[in-house]
Amino acid sequence: MSYGMAAALQAAIYQQLTTCLPGVAIHDAIPPGGGTGTFVLLGPEEAIDASDQTGGGAEHRLLVSVISDEAGFAAAKNVAVAISDALTGADLVLARGRLVGLRFLKAQARRLDEGAVRRVDLRFAARVEDN
């Protein structure tokens, strides 16, 4: 197994999202004060060995969240749709390794903070290989 492409994968996802979501802040940690408006949070990931006889590899199961204090789910869901469109099947170039495939797994939309905040969690699986 190789976890060696994890940082390169995150950087490529970040770059893809900044390109496809102009004006939407993208973070890998909750902004100070919890953040306001609508923003994207690159969340936790789990890497699972996907090596084979040809070399090292891994499947990264990752979470990308949309958090919004806008009324209703519309703002959060519109950003979530754009993320899904931008990442599903994307041909990202990694600084290390190679992305074999990126697929959508599932999503969950929910209210937080007694209904004041909306959150949409999108789960993806990325298969990467060492070059």
Protein backbone atom coordinates (compact mmCIF):
# COMPACT_ATOMS: atom_id res chain seq x y z
CA MET A 1 0.00 0.00 0.00
CA SER A 2 1.06 3.55 -0.54
CA TYR A 3 -0.21 6.65 1.20
CA GLY A 4 2.36 8.61 -0.76
CA MET A 5 -0.14 10.25 -3.12
CA ALA A 6 -2.46 11.61 -0.40
CA ALA A 7 -1.12 15.17 -0.40
CA ALA A 8 -0.94 15.26 -4.21
CA LEU A 9 -4.53 14.03 -4.43
CA GLN A 10 -5.77 16.69 -2.01
CA ALA A 11 -3.88 19.42 -3.90
CA ALA A 12 -5.39 18.30 -7.22
CA ILE A 13 -8.90 18.20 -5.75
CA TYR A 14 -8.40 21.64 -4.23
CA GLN A 15 -7.22 23.02 -7.58
CA GLN A 16 -10.18 21.47 -9.42
CA LEU A 17 -12.66 22.92 -6.95
CA THR A 18 -11.13 26.42 -6.93
CA THR A 19 -11.37 26.41 -10.73
CA CYS A 20 -14.96 25.15 -10.82
CA LEU A 21 -16.29 27.14 -7.85
CA PRO A 22 -15.13 30.73 -8.30
CA GLY A 23 -16.02 32.87 -5.32
CA VAL A 24 -16.59 29.91 -2.98
CA ALA A 25 -14.02 29.56 -0.19
CA ILE A 26 -12.43 26.12 0.11
CA HIS A 27 -10.79 25.11 3.39
CA ASP A 28 -9.16 22.04 4.90
CA ALA A 29 -10.02 23.20 8.43
CA ILE A 30 -13.02 25.00 9.89
CA PRO A 31 -12.36 28.74 9.49
CA PRO A 32 -11.85 30.78 12.67
CA GLY A 33 -15.19 31.60 14.24
CA GLY A 34 -16.84 28.70 12.40
CA GLY A 35 -17.09 30.51 9.07
CA THR A 36 -20.01 32.37 7.57
CA GLY A 37 -21.83 32.22 4.28
CA THR A 38 -21.35 29.13 2.15
CA PHE A 39 -17.99 27.37 2.01
CA VAL A 40 -16.43 24.02 1.18
CA LEU A 41 -14.53 21.93 3.68
CA LEU A 42 -12.10 19.23 2.56
CA GLY A 43 -12.59 16.64 5.24
CA PRO A 44 -11.34 13.36 6.52
CA GLU A 45 -10.24 10.51 4.32
CA GLU A 46 -9.60 6.82 4.67
CA ALA A 47 -6.97 5.09 2.54
CA ILE A 48 -7.32 1.42 1.75
CA ASP A 49 -4.64 -0.73 0.14
CA ALA A 50 -5.26 -1.27 -3.55
CA SER A 51 -1.83 -2.52 -4.55
CA ASP A 52 -1.50 -5.29 -7.08
CA GLN A 53 1.30 -7.15 -8.83
CA THR A 54 2.07 -4.14 -11.01
CA GLY A 55 2.74 -1.76 -8.11
CA GLY A 56 1.54 0.19 -5.12
CA GLY A 57 -1.78 1.91 -4.98
CA ALA A 58 -4.62 2.91 -2.73
CA GLU A 59 -8.27 3.82 -2.73
CA HIS A 60 -8.87 7.06 -0.87
CA ARG A 61 -12.40 7.47 0.44
CA LEU A 62 -12.76 11.15 1.07
CA LEU A 63 -15.33 13.59 2.34
CA VAL A 64 -16.04 17.00 0.82
CA SER A 65 -18.59 19.07 2.75
CA VAL A 66 -20.59 22.15 1.89
CA ILE A 67 -21.50 24.24 4.92
CA SER A 68 -23.90 27.15 4.67
CA ASP A 69 -25.72 29.50 7.01
CA GLU A 70 -28.02 30.54 4.15
CA ALA A 71 -31.74 29.94 4.73
CA GLY A 72 -32.88 26.65 3.21
CA PHE A 73 -30.83 24.02 1.45
CA ALA A 74 -30.74 25.61 -2.01
CA ALA A 75 -27.38 27.39 -1.68
CA ALA A 76 -25.64 24.37 -0.15
CA LYS A 77 -27.14 21.94 -2.65
CA ASN A 78 -26.22 24.12 -5.64
CA VAL A 79 -22.58 24.11 -4.52
CA ALA A 80 -22.77 20.36 -3.79
CA VAL A 81 -24.04 19.70 -7.33
CA ALA A 82 -21.16 21.74 -8.77
CA ILE A 83 -18.68 19.73 -6.66
CA SER A 84 -20.18 16.44 -7.79
CA ASP A 85 -20.03 17.54 -11.42
CA ALA A 86 -16.44 18.80 -11.03
CA LEU A 87 -15.06 15.68 -9.34
CA THR A 88 -17.01 12.69 -10.65
CA GLY A 89 -14.88 11.13 -13.35
CA ALA A 90 -12.43 14.04 -13.29
CA ASP A 91 -9.08 13.51 -14.97
CA LEU A 92 -6.90 15.16 -12.35
CA VAL A 93 -3.14 15.41 -12.74
CA LEU A 94 -1.27 14.61 -9.54
CA ALA A 95 2.16 15.92 -8.60
CA ARG A 96 2.96 12.36 -7.46
CA GLY A 97 1.37 9.19 -8.75
CA ARG A 98 -1.57 8.79 -11.07
CA LEU A 99 -5.31 9.06 -10.56
CA VAL A 100 -6.96 5.96 -12.00
CA GLY A 101 -10.52 7.04 -11.26
CA LEU A 102 -12.64 9.29 -9.08
CA ARG A 103 -16.23 8.35 -8.36
CA PHE A 104 -19.13 9.61 -6.28
CA LEU A 105 -20.26 7.28 -3.48
CA LYS A 106 -23.03 9.05 -1.59
CA ALA A 107 -24.28 12.32 -0.11
CA GLN A 108 -26.11 13.35 3.03
CA ALA A 109 -27.82 16.71 3.60
CA ARG A 110 -28.69 17.77 7.13
CA ARG A 111 -29.38 20.70 9.45
CA LEU A 112 -26.98 21.66 12.25
CA ASP A 113 -27.08 24.14 15.12
CA GLU A 114 -30.83 23.85 15.63
CA GLY A 115 -31.49 24.46 11.94
CA ALA A 116 -29.28 27.57 11.58
CA VAL A 117 -26.68 25.80 9.42
CA ARG A 118 -27.02 23.43 6.46
CA ARG A 119 -24.38 20.80 5.68
CA VAL A 120 -24.11 18.54 2.66
CA ASP A 121 -21.48 15.79 2.95
CA LEU A 122 -20.31 14.27 -0.33
CA ARG A 123 -18.30 11.05 -0.25
CA PHE A 124 -15.98 10.10 -3.10
CA ALA A 125 -13.57 7.25 -3.82
CA ALA A 126 -10.33 7.99 -5.61
CA ARG A 127 -8.13 5.16 -6.88
CA VAL A 128 -4.47 6.15 -7.19
CA GLU A 129 -1.32 4.32 -8.26
CA ASP A 130 2.40 4.95 -7.93
CA ASN A 131 4.04 5.71 -11.26
